[in-house]
Structure formats: C-alpha cells, structure tokens
Protein backbone atom coordinates (compact mmCIF):
# COMPACT_ATOMS: atom_id res chain seq x y z
CA MET A 1 -4.41 0.57 40.21
CA ALA A 2 -1.41 -0.57 42.06
CA SER A 3 -0.47 -0.77 45.83
CA PHE A 4 2.67 -1.13 47.97
CA LYS A 5 2.77 -3.94 50.48
CA ILE A 6 5.32 -2.97 53.21
CA THR A 7 6.70 -4.75 56.06
CA GLY A 8 8.01 -2.09 58.54
CA GLY A 9 10.26 -1.91 61.47
CA LYS A 10 13.46 -2.68 59.59
CA GLN A 11 16.64 -0.59 59.72
CA LEU A 12 17.88 0.36 56.31
CA GLN A 13 21.52 1.00 55.22
CA GLY A 14 23.34 2.07 52.12
CA THR A 15 23.71 4.74 49.60
CA ILE A 16 20.89 6.36 47.62
CA THR A 17 21.12 9.11 44.88
CA PRO A 18 18.23 11.68 44.41
CA GLN A 19 16.51 11.97 41.06
CA GLY A 20 16.62 15.09 38.97
CA ALA A 21 14.23 17.76 40.25
CA LYS A 22 10.61 17.30 39.25
CA ASN A 23 9.57 20.81 39.65
CA GLU A 24 12.44 22.03 37.60
CA ALA A 25 11.86 19.46 34.96
CA LEU A 26 8.31 20.56 34.32
CA GLN A 27 9.51 24.31 33.80
CA ILE A 28 12.57 23.28 31.65
CA LEU A 29 10.45 21.00 29.48
CA CYS A 30 8.05 23.75 28.58
CA GLY A 31 10.99 26.03 27.79
CA VAL A 32 12.10 23.84 24.84
CA LEU A 33 8.96 25.21 22.91
CA LEU A 34 10.58 28.58 22.53
CA THR A 35 13.06 27.46 19.89
CA GLU A 36 13.16 25.28 16.73
CA GLU A 37 16.74 24.01 17.63
CA PRO A 38 17.46 20.94 19.68
CA VAL A 39 17.76 21.28 23.54
CA THR A 40 19.44 18.46 25.38
CA LEU A 41 18.53 17.88 28.97
CA HIS A 42 20.44 15.91 31.54
CA ASN A 43 19.33 14.34 34.96
CA VAL A 44 15.68 14.20 33.71
CA PRO A 45 13.68 12.25 36.39
CA ASP A 46 11.81 9.15 35.16
CA ILE A 47 8.61 9.87 36.82
CA LEU A 48 4.97 9.80 35.79
CA ASP A 49 4.40 13.61 35.75
CA VAL A 50 7.45 14.25 33.75
CA ASN A 51 6.92 11.46 31.30
CA THR A 52 3.18 12.64 30.84
CA LEU A 53 4.62 16.13 29.91
CA ILE A 54 7.00 14.66 27.56
CA THR A 55 4.36 12.65 25.78
CA LEU A 56 2.25 15.75 25.45
CA LEU A 57 5.04 17.70 23.89
CA GLU A 58 5.56 14.73 21.51
CA ASP A 59 1.76 14.59 20.68
CA MET A 60 2.00 18.25 19.62
CA GLY A 61 4.81 17.82 17.33
CA VAL A 62 8.11 17.94 19.33
CA SER A 63 10.61 15.32 18.43
CA VAL A 64 11.97 13.39 21.37
CA GLN A 65 15.16 11.34 21.57
CA ARG A 66 16.13 9.62 24.71
CA GLN A 67 19.97 9.11 24.90
CA GLY A 68 20.47 6.97 27.89
CA LYS A 69 19.38 7.22 31.54
CA GLY A 70 18.20 10.84 32.38
CA THR A 71 19.16 12.40 29.06
CA VAL A 72 16.58 13.57 26.56
CA THR A 73 17.00 15.72 23.31
CA LEU A 74 13.81 17.65 22.37
CA GLN A 75 13.31 19.73 19.16
CA ALA A 76 10.12 21.75 18.76
CA ARG A 77 10.44 22.59 15.07
CA HIS A 78 6.89 21.71 14.03
CA ILE A 79 4.13 22.60 16.54
CA ASP A 80 0.47 21.77 16.12
CA LEU A 81 -1.52 24.18 18.07
CA ASP A 82 -4.69 22.67 17.18
CA TYR A 83 -3.76 19.72 19.24
CA LEU A 84 -4.28 21.87 22.41
CA ARG A 85 -8.06 21.85 21.56
CA THR A 86 -8.37 18.03 21.39
CA GLU A 87 -10.04 15.74 24.00
CA ASN A 88 -6.76 13.86 24.21
CA PHE A 89 -4.71 16.94 25.19
CA THR A 90 -7.41 17.95 27.77
CA ARG A 91 -7.55 14.46 29.36
CA LYS A 92 -3.75 14.20 29.59
CA SER A 93 -2.98 17.81 30.66
CA SER A 94 -5.68 17.40 33.49
CA LYS A 95 -3.37 15.02 35.15
CA LEU A 96 -0.63 17.37 35.94
CA ARG A 97 -0.12 21.03 37.03
CA GLY A 98 2.93 21.46 34.95
CA ALA A 99 1.03 21.50 31.67
CA VAL A 100 0.12 25.16 32.44
CA MET A 101 3.54 26.36 31.75
CA MET A 102 3.30 25.47 28.11
CA ALA A 103 1.11 28.56 27.79
CA GLY A 104 3.94 31.06 28.43
CA ALA A 105 6.38 29.43 26.00
CA LEU A 106 3.56 29.11 23.31
CA LEU A 107 2.51 32.87 23.69
CA GLY A 108 6.23 33.85 23.45
CA ARG A 109 6.72 31.98 20.15
CA PHE A 110 3.30 31.95 18.60
CA GLY A 111 1.26 34.70 20.36
CA LYS A 112 -1.59 32.29 21.00
CA THR A 113 -2.42 29.38 23.18
CA TYR A 114 -5.26 27.47 24.95
CA LEU A 115 -5.08 26.82 28.73
CA PRO A 116 -7.23 24.14 30.33
CA GLN A 117 -7.94 24.02 34.05
CA PRO A 118 -4.83 22.74 35.67
CA GLY A 119 -4.66 19.15 37.08
CA GLY A 120 -2.17 17.56 39.64
CA ASP A 121 -2.67 17.04 43.43
CA LYS A 122 -5.98 17.54 45.00
CA ILE A 123 -4.49 19.62 47.97
CA GLY A 124 -6.61 22.88 47.67
CA ARG A 125 -7.21 25.65 45.30
CA ARG A 126 -4.58 26.37 42.72
CA ARG A 127 -5.51 29.58 40.87
CA LEU A 128 -4.43 30.70 37.49
CA ASP A 129 -4.94 34.51 38.30
CA THR A 130 -1.22 35.14 38.79
CA HIS A 131 -0.49 33.57 35.31
CA ILE A 132 -3.35 35.35 33.40
CA LEU A 133 -2.94 38.80 35.01
CA GLY A 134 0.94 38.69 34.27
CA PHE A 135 0.13 37.67 30.59
CA GLU A 136 -2.34 40.67 30.36
CA LYS A 137 0.44 42.92 31.32
CA LEU A 138 2.40 41.62 28.34
CA GLY A 139 -0.55 42.56 26.03
CA VAL A 140 -2.43 39.19 26.08
CA GLN A 141 -6.14 39.06 25.91
CA PHE A 142 -8.00 36.22 27.24
CA SER A 143 -11.42 34.67 27.13
CA TYR A 144 -12.94 31.61 28.85
CA ASP A 145 -14.53 28.99 26.34
CA ARG A 146 -17.15 27.23 28.59
CA ASP A 147 -17.66 24.45 25.96
CA HIS A 148 -14.10 23.39 26.13
CA LYS A 149 -13.57 24.53 29.78
CA GLU A 150 -10.29 26.40 28.80
CA PHE A 151 -8.99 29.85 28.51
CA VAL A 152 -8.20 31.29 25.06
CA LEU A 153 -5.12 33.40 25.26
CA GLU A 154 -3.83 35.59 22.35
CA ALA A 155 -1.86 38.60 21.51
CA GLU A 156 -0.88 40.45 18.41
CA THR A 157 2.36 41.61 19.89
CA LEU A 158 3.95 40.83 23.29
CA THR A 159 5.29 43.99 24.86
CA GLY A 160 7.42 44.32 27.93
CA ASN A 161 5.96 45.87 31.02
CA TYR A 162 6.29 46.32 34.87
CA ILE A 163 4.59 43.48 36.57
CA LEU A 164 4.08 43.35 40.33
CA LEU A 165 2.97 39.86 41.26
CA GLU A 166 0.27 39.59 44.08
CA GLU A 167 1.94 36.30 45.19
CA PRO A 168 5.30 34.91 44.35
CA SER A 169 3.87 31.97 42.57
CA VAL A 170 6.54 29.63 41.20
CA THR A 171 4.65 28.40 38.20
CA GLY A 172 3.20 32.00 37.61
CA THR A 173 6.66 33.37 37.57
CA ALA A 174 7.98 30.84 35.25
CA ASN A 175 5.04 31.07 33.03
CA ILE A 176 5.46 34.94 32.75
CA ILE A 177 9.18 34.60 32.16
CA LEU A 178 8.71 32.07 29.39
CA ALA A 179 6.42 34.63 27.59
CA ALA A 180 8.55 37.78 28.45
CA VAL A 181 11.77 36.48 26.91
CA LYS A 182 10.29 36.99 23.40
CA ALA A 183 8.38 40.12 24.24
CA LYS A 184 9.39 43.50 22.66
CA GLY A 185 11.12 45.81 25.18
CA THR A 186 11.88 45.43 28.88
CA THR A 187 9.76 43.42 31.39
CA THR A 188 10.37 43.77 35.07
CA ILE A 189 8.86 41.16 37.51
CA TYR A 190 8.80 42.23 41.12
CA ASN A 191 7.81 39.85 43.92
CA ALA A 192 8.96 37.02 41.54
CA ALA A 193 9.51 33.59 42.93
CA CYS A 194 13.17 32.90 43.27
CA GLU A 195 13.22 29.09 44.04
CA PRO A 196 16.20 27.27 42.61
CA TYR A 197 14.22 25.84 39.91
CA VAL A 198 13.10 29.26 38.59
CA GLN A 199 16.74 30.20 38.91
CA GLN A 200 17.62 27.23 36.72
CA LEU A 201 15.00 28.04 34.10
CA CYS A 202 16.47 31.66 33.87
CA ARG A 203 20.05 30.25 33.41
CA MET A 204 18.98 27.82 30.81
CA LEU A 205 16.98 30.58 28.84
CA ASN A 206 20.02 32.80 29.04
CA SER A 207 22.17 29.98 27.54
CA MET A 208 19.61 29.95 24.75
CA GLY A 209 20.10 33.59 24.06
CA ALA A 210 17.63 35.22 26.43
CA CYS A 211 18.67 38.27 28.63
CA ILE A 212 17.45 37.86 32.12
CA ARG A 213 19.06 39.71 35.05
CA GLY A 214 18.48 39.57 38.68
CA ILE A 215 18.45 35.77 38.86
CA GLY A 216 18.17 34.54 42.45
CA SER A 217 16.32 37.63 43.57
CA ASN A 218 12.68 38.60 43.57
CA LEU A 219 13.24 41.37 41.05
CA LEU A 220 13.78 40.02 37.51
CA THR A 221 14.56 42.29 34.49
CA ILE A 222 14.07 40.75 31.08
CA GLU A 223 15.08 42.19 27.82
CA GLY A 224 13.07 40.69 25.07
CA VAL A 225 15.05 38.97 22.08
CA GLU A 226 13.88 38.09 18.58
CA ALA A 227 14.92 34.32 18.76
CA LEU A 228 16.32 31.61 20.93
CA HIS A 229 18.70 28.77 20.10
CA GLY A 230 19.41 25.34 21.40
CA CYS A 231 21.40 24.48 24.44
CA GLU A 232 22.37 21.70 26.96
CA HIS A 233 21.15 21.90 30.58
CA ARG A 234 21.58 19.73 33.64
CA MET A 235 18.81 19.66 36.32
CA LEU A 236 19.51 19.91 39.97
CA ALA A 237 18.92 17.13 42.51
CA ASP A 238 15.35 17.06 43.76
CA MET A 239 15.47 18.74 47.14
CA ILE A 240 12.12 17.05 48.18
CA GLU A 241 13.78 13.65 47.64
CA VAL A 242 16.77 14.70 49.64
CA GLY A 243 14.59 15.82 52.47
CA SER A 244 12.51 12.73 52.16
CA PHE A 245 15.58 10.54 52.55
CA ILE A 246 16.86 12.42 55.63
CA ALA A 247 13.35 11.92 57.28
CA LEU A 248 13.37 8.21 56.36
CA ALA A 249 16.76 7.56 57.79
CA ALA A 250 15.77 9.39 61.09
CA MET A 251 12.35 7.67 61.42
CA THR A 252 13.83 4.15 60.73
CA ARG A 253 17.13 4.59 62.65
CA SER A 254 18.97 3.95 59.42
CA GLU A 255 22.42 4.76 58.10
CA ILE A 256 22.12 6.33 54.85
CA THR A 257 24.38 8.28 52.48
CA ILE A 258 22.59 10.60 50.17
CA LYS A 259 24.74 11.25 47.08
CA ASN A 260 25.08 14.22 44.88
CA CYS A 261 22.67 16.46 46.57
CA ASP A 262 23.35 19.95 45.13
CA VAL A 263 23.76 21.09 48.66
CA ILE A 264 24.33 24.64 47.74
CA HIS A 265 20.91 24.83 46.46
CA LEU A 266 19.08 23.35 49.44
CA GLY A 267 18.51 26.65 51.18
CA VAL A 268 17.15 26.39 54.71
CA THR A 269 16.04 22.76 54.31
CA LEU A 270 19.08 21.35 56.28
CA ASP A 271 18.68 23.87 59.04
CA VAL A 272 14.97 22.61 59.55
CA PHE A 273 16.09 19.08 59.94
CA ARG A 274 18.67 20.15 62.51
CA LYS A 275 15.94 21.93 64.38
CA MET A 276 13.95 18.66 64.33
CA GLY A 277 16.92 17.00 66.00
CA VAL A 278 18.43 15.06 63.07
CA ASP A 279 22.20 14.52 63.13
CA PHE A 280 23.88 14.36 59.75
CA GLU A 281 27.21 15.35 57.99
CA VAL A 282 27.56 17.18 54.79
CA ARG A 283 30.42 15.59 53.00
CA GLY A 284 31.20 17.66 49.85
CA ASP A 285 28.03 17.26 47.89
CA ASP A 286 26.75 14.16 49.84
CA ILE A 287 24.82 13.96 53.13
CA TYR A 288 25.62 11.26 55.55
CA VAL A 289 22.78 10.34 58.01
CA PRO A 290 23.96 8.05 60.85
CA GLY A 291 21.62 5.50 62.38
CA GLN A 292 20.15 7.67 65.20
CA GLU A 293 18.34 6.04 68.17
CA LYS A 294 16.97 9.36 69.31
CA TYR A 295 16.40 12.76 67.89
CA THR A 296 15.07 15.71 69.99
CA ILE A 297 12.99 18.54 68.62
CA ARG A 298 14.47 21.91 69.70
CA THR A 299 12.44 24.76 71.21
CA PHE A 300 12.67 28.35 70.41
CA ILE A 301 15.23 30.37 72.41
CA ASP A 302 12.57 31.38 74.92
CA GLY A 303 11.56 27.73 75.55
CA SER A 304 8.41 27.82 73.65
CA ILE A 305 7.24 25.00 71.44
CA LEU A 306 8.81 24.93 67.95
CA SER A 307 6.67 25.74 64.89
CA ILE A 308 7.72 24.68 61.45
CA TYR A 309 5.94 26.34 58.50
CA ASP A 310 6.35 26.69 54.76
CA HIS A 311 7.22 29.88 53.10
CA PRO A 312 8.25 31.22 49.69
CA TRP A 313 11.92 30.66 48.94
CA PRO A 314 14.26 31.04 50.55
CA GLY A 315 11.96 29.70 53.28
CA LEU A 316 10.88 26.09 53.61
CA THR A 317 9.27 24.58 50.60
CA PRO A 318 5.68 23.18 51.32
CA ASP A 319 6.45 20.04 49.61
CA LEU A 320 8.52 18.85 52.69
CA ILE A 321 5.82 19.53 55.26
CA SER A 322 4.26 16.17 54.93
CA VAL A 323 7.54 14.21 55.56
CA LEU A 324 8.52 16.50 58.46
CA LEU A 325 5.19 15.84 60.07
CA VAL A 326 5.62 12.18 59.99
CA MET A 327 9.26 12.15 61.13
CA ALA A 328 8.05 14.22 64.23
CA ILE A 329 6.00 11.26 65.32
CA GLN A 330 8.92 9.32 66.71
CA ALA A 331 10.84 12.47 67.97
CA GLU A 332 11.24 13.64 71.48
CA GLY A 333 9.41 16.67 72.02
CA ASP A 334 6.50 18.46 70.43
CA VAL A 335 6.11 20.65 67.28
CA LEU A 336 3.51 22.69 65.55
CA ILE A 337 3.39 22.09 61.81
CA TYR A 338 1.72 25.01 59.93
CA GLN A 339 1.03 24.37 56.29
CA LYS A 340 0.05 27.82 54.96
CA MET A 341 -0.38 27.31 51.19
CA PHE A 342 -2.85 24.56 50.71
CA GLU A 343 -5.90 23.79 52.82
CA SER A 344 -6.11 20.07 52.11
CA ARG A 345 -2.65 19.00 52.53
CA LEU A 346 -2.84 17.89 56.15
CA PHE A 347 -5.89 15.69 55.76
CA PHE A 348 -3.75 12.53 55.49
CA VAL A 349 -3.04 12.74 59.32
CA ASP A 350 -6.13 10.69 60.08
CA LYS A 351 -4.16 7.54 58.87
CA LEU A 352 -1.23 8.49 60.98
CA ILE A 353 -3.51 8.75 64.03
CA GLU A 354 -4.92 5.24 63.12
CA MET A 355 -1.39 4.08 63.10
CA GLY A 356 -0.91 5.27 66.71
CA ALA A 357 0.48 8.76 66.08
CA ARG A 358 -0.23 11.52 68.66
CA ILE A 359 -1.51 14.39 66.42
CA VAL A 360 -4.11 17.04 67.04
CA LEU A 361 -5.40 18.49 63.82
CA CYS A 362 -6.18 21.98 64.78
CA ASP A 363 -7.68 23.18 61.54
CA PRO A 364 -6.92 22.52 57.81
CA HIS A 365 -3.52 24.30 58.07
CA ARG A 366 -2.19 23.34 61.51
CA ALA A 367 -1.21 20.22 63.30
CA VAL A 368 0.37 19.65 66.72
CA ILE A 369 2.50 16.44 66.93
CA MET A 370 3.55 15.00 70.25
CA GLY A 371 6.56 12.80 69.72
CA HIS A 372 6.61 9.21 70.96
CA ASN A 373 10.34 9.36 71.61
CA ARG A 374 10.40 5.70 70.32
CA GLN A 375 8.26 4.48 73.31
CA SER A 376 5.45 3.45 71.23
CA PRO A 377 5.89 2.16 67.55
CA LEU A 378 3.44 2.75 64.88
CA ARG A 379 1.36 -0.16 63.67
CA GLY A 380 0.77 -1.18 60.16
CA ILE A 381 -2.63 -0.46 58.37
CA ARG A 382 -4.08 -0.24 55.04
CA MET A 383 -4.30 3.43 53.62
CA SER A 384 -4.42 5.27 50.31
CA SER A 385 -2.08 7.81 48.93
CA PRO A 386 -4.00 11.19 48.40
CA ASP A 387 -1.20 13.09 46.69
CA ILE A 388 2.50 12.86 45.86
CA ARG A 389 3.97 14.20 49.07
CA ALA A 390 1.60 12.68 51.55
CA GLY A 391 2.02 9.44 49.70
CA VAL A 392 5.73 9.33 50.37
CA ALA A 393 5.08 10.48 54.00
CA LEU A 394 2.81 7.47 54.45
CA LEU A 395 5.54 5.26 52.90
CA ILE A 396 8.06 6.58 55.52
CA ALA A 397 5.55 5.98 58.37
CA ALA A 398 4.79 2.37 57.01
CA LEU A 399 8.57 1.63 56.85
CA SER A 400 8.92 2.57 60.48
CA ALA A 401 5.78 0.75 61.67
CA GLU A 402 5.49 -2.72 63.17
CA GLY A 403 3.76 -5.29 60.88
CA GLN A 404 2.36 -4.88 57.52
CA SER A 405 1.00 -1.81 55.81
CA VAL A 406 -0.69 -1.52 52.39
CA ILE A 407 -0.65 1.69 50.53
CA ASP A 408 -3.20 1.98 47.73
CA ASN A 409 -3.24 4.59 44.80
CA ILE A 410 0.53 4.63 44.58
CA GLU A 411 0.26 6.15 41.15
CA GLN A 412 0.38 9.37 43.17
CA ILE A 413 3.71 8.52 44.59
CA ASP A 414 4.95 7.31 41.03
CA ARG A 415 4.03 10.89 39.78
CA GLY A 416 6.95 12.39 41.78
CA TYR A 417 9.33 9.69 42.89
CA GLU A 418 11.50 7.61 40.46
CA HIS A 419 11.27 3.78 41.02
CA ILE A 420 11.11 4.55 44.68
CA ASP A 421 10.32 0.91 45.64
CA GLU A 422 13.34 -0.45 43.80
CA ARG A 423 15.75 2.22 45.20
CA LEU A 424 14.44 1.58 48.78
CA ILE A 425 14.64 -2.19 48.36
CA ALA A 426 18.32 -1.70 47.53
CA LEU A 427 18.68 -0.23 51.11
CA GLY A 428 16.95 -3.17 52.69
CA ALA A 429 13.36 -2.19 52.74
CA GLN A 430 10.74 -4.87 52.41
CA ILE A 431 8.32 -3.32 49.73
CA ARG A 432 6.38 -5.36 47.24
CA ARG A 433 4.48 -3.69 44.32
CA ILE A 434 1.08 -5.21 43.68
CA GLU A 435 -0.67 -4.63 40.41
CA GLU A 436 -4.45 -4.90 40.55
C-alpha cells in the first residue's frame, strides 16, 4: 500500500496536459475484441484501471504492442473464452467496472460470454440490469452460476430489436452497442447515453465498418454488419482531469494553463465552474486559469442558494461532484451539492470537516457547503482515499491546507489519474510518494 505525504499551502504555476479519457479508454479497449485485425489507439492513459484491462485482454489472447507514450496496437485474432471462467480473470476483473463491457463485444463476435459481478469504486449500487435486459432484447439468454458468481450469456443468433433503456446508463449503452453492431437487422436504442465517450465509441466502430446513426443523440440506430476491420483511433482528453485541474487552480490560488482540453467536448462543465465563481480563459483548445485570490459562488436569478447536481449528458458528469464540493470550501458564498446517482459518494466529507470545512451532510446524496472565503485555511490531517474521484478531491484539499497531510490508499487515485504526483510536482506541489 502506498501513501502521499503532502505539504500544502503552496501556490502552483505552470502548464499541465490532461491524460486521455479513462472512461473512453475502457469502452474502446473492449471494442477491439470485435475484429481479428489490428486496432491502433492513441492518447491511451497510463493508469491502473486501463492497464488492468489491457492485461486482461492480453491474458485472453489479444496481442498487445506498445508503440511509445500513449499509443497501443491490439489484435484480437485468437481469443480464449475459457479464460473468462478462471480464478485469475475473476480476481482481476473484480478490480474494475470496465471489464463488464467485454461482454457486449464477445457476444457480438462469439455469441457467448461470462460476466462476473462488476468491480471498481465502492460508491453505491451499480446494477447490471440495463446491460442484461438490453442483451435479452437482442436474443441473448442468461443464467446465473452461483458457484462461479457470474452470469452466463449466450445466443444462437443476435437479432436487432427496438430497445428502450430504463436509464441512460453509459456502460449499459456501450455494451449493447458493442453487441448490436454484429446483430442481424436493425437495432434501435432509445434513451441511450450520449456522453462524448459513447460518441467516440460509435465513431470508432463506424471507422471499423459498423453502421451507427444518431451519434450524439439519445436515439441510436444500428444496422448490423457481418464483419468489422481494424482502424486507428485517438481518445479525447479526460474531462474529469480538466475539471480537477481547474478546481486545483482555484483552490490553491494558482496560475495554471491546461493544454489540449478538447474544449468542444466539455459540455456544461465550464459553465458550472463559472457559476462557482472561477475565472478562466479558453484559448483555442487550452484553458488558462489565473491565480485567483477570491471566487464567489453565484446565486440563482431569484437570489436563492445555488445547487449543483449531476445529470446524464449533456448535464454535469457525476465524476466532478467531489472536486466541485472541495473547491466550494474556500469560495465566498454557499452551495448545495446534490449527488443523485451514487449513495456513498459523499461520505468522504467527514475528512473535509476534520480539516476545518464547514459542511452539513444532509443525507447520502446532499451536502451544503458554507464557503470560508479564504478566512480560515484547512489544516493538514491523515486520511484515506475511498474512491478515485474522492481521492483526487482530498488531494486538492491537502494541497490547499496548512501543514502536512497524508493520504493513504492512493492506489485508488492511481486507478484514474496518470502519474498525478509527478505532474503536480512539476507545477511546484510538494508531494512525496511513500511505499509501505
């Protein structure tokens, strides 16, 4: 187990480039299973979750060639489906949520797969209903193997169908798309997730020979094809890192330029930071955040307290709720943070309160933050990272605090942020990684 030892209260300065998008990478990597031909991916983030998925693919027979920083060529010519029933696969796949999306691609190509209970962050219930009900509409039959604690999915023939999703699940939508591109006939997915990463998956599959229409909307039409071929694909910048760096700059009064942000794909993210009072300039595809002594949270037009909440795209991604909550601590004004999707994601606020934050946790989904307006700095403490996003939020809090902080269980941060300590040290942060 490793920890970060942080000396806070330092202003940072410089330029930082966000990694490739984690959530896109997990979908795209599963998509390579649909073809025997090579697929070359660029801007692949060097993070624990992505590397774990690449190892899983390699273990099941995918050849992997790394060709410099961020570029990987994968070829799924020989696949061992029996590997999915091994203890090794179950152990590795239980560490990340993204492994569930292999199911759609394997069903599309082989008509059979095994699906263990998903792993990843312990932030609340993460059901598989959307995935399996969608597969059923395509002709997949499933059973639950209690001995192996996994679903067994198989179909003699995948057949296109009309699918109305009960929720616009990102991974559920991606999984159904991966199966539907090889189904016979037409599949229509209504109430589909339309996040940029789902759009990117659709564009990549189309470049491989798939026929997907309605990209960017919640109504996708997919004409099944017999075979897919190889392609090259570049992943977007990670919007969660972009938002995290804006929050870091505001919280620590730092002057930071964030390079190559793929601004056009950020949706309402920048508008939310403006509502929180952060000044910044969009310069082409870069974002410049000046050292800001003070930022004031806006109210609604009628003067009532601002509420920030997550919502399916094009609303605010839930992955930025934690960093926005932390950033509000030193703002002028008050805000209600409403995290709708996961009932355990706000439970890290007890550590922020211990650091001196003024936060009322109303229930598992809502917290009211009363900003300090820089009148009272946070103090350093020892804490543990419960999940990826809370982990980086605690890191931002520690970098703004007076004195030393220690964050344990930083493997959670490493799952989603590429060499974050090294990149922040280059900006002037005082962070030391301690291996225990």
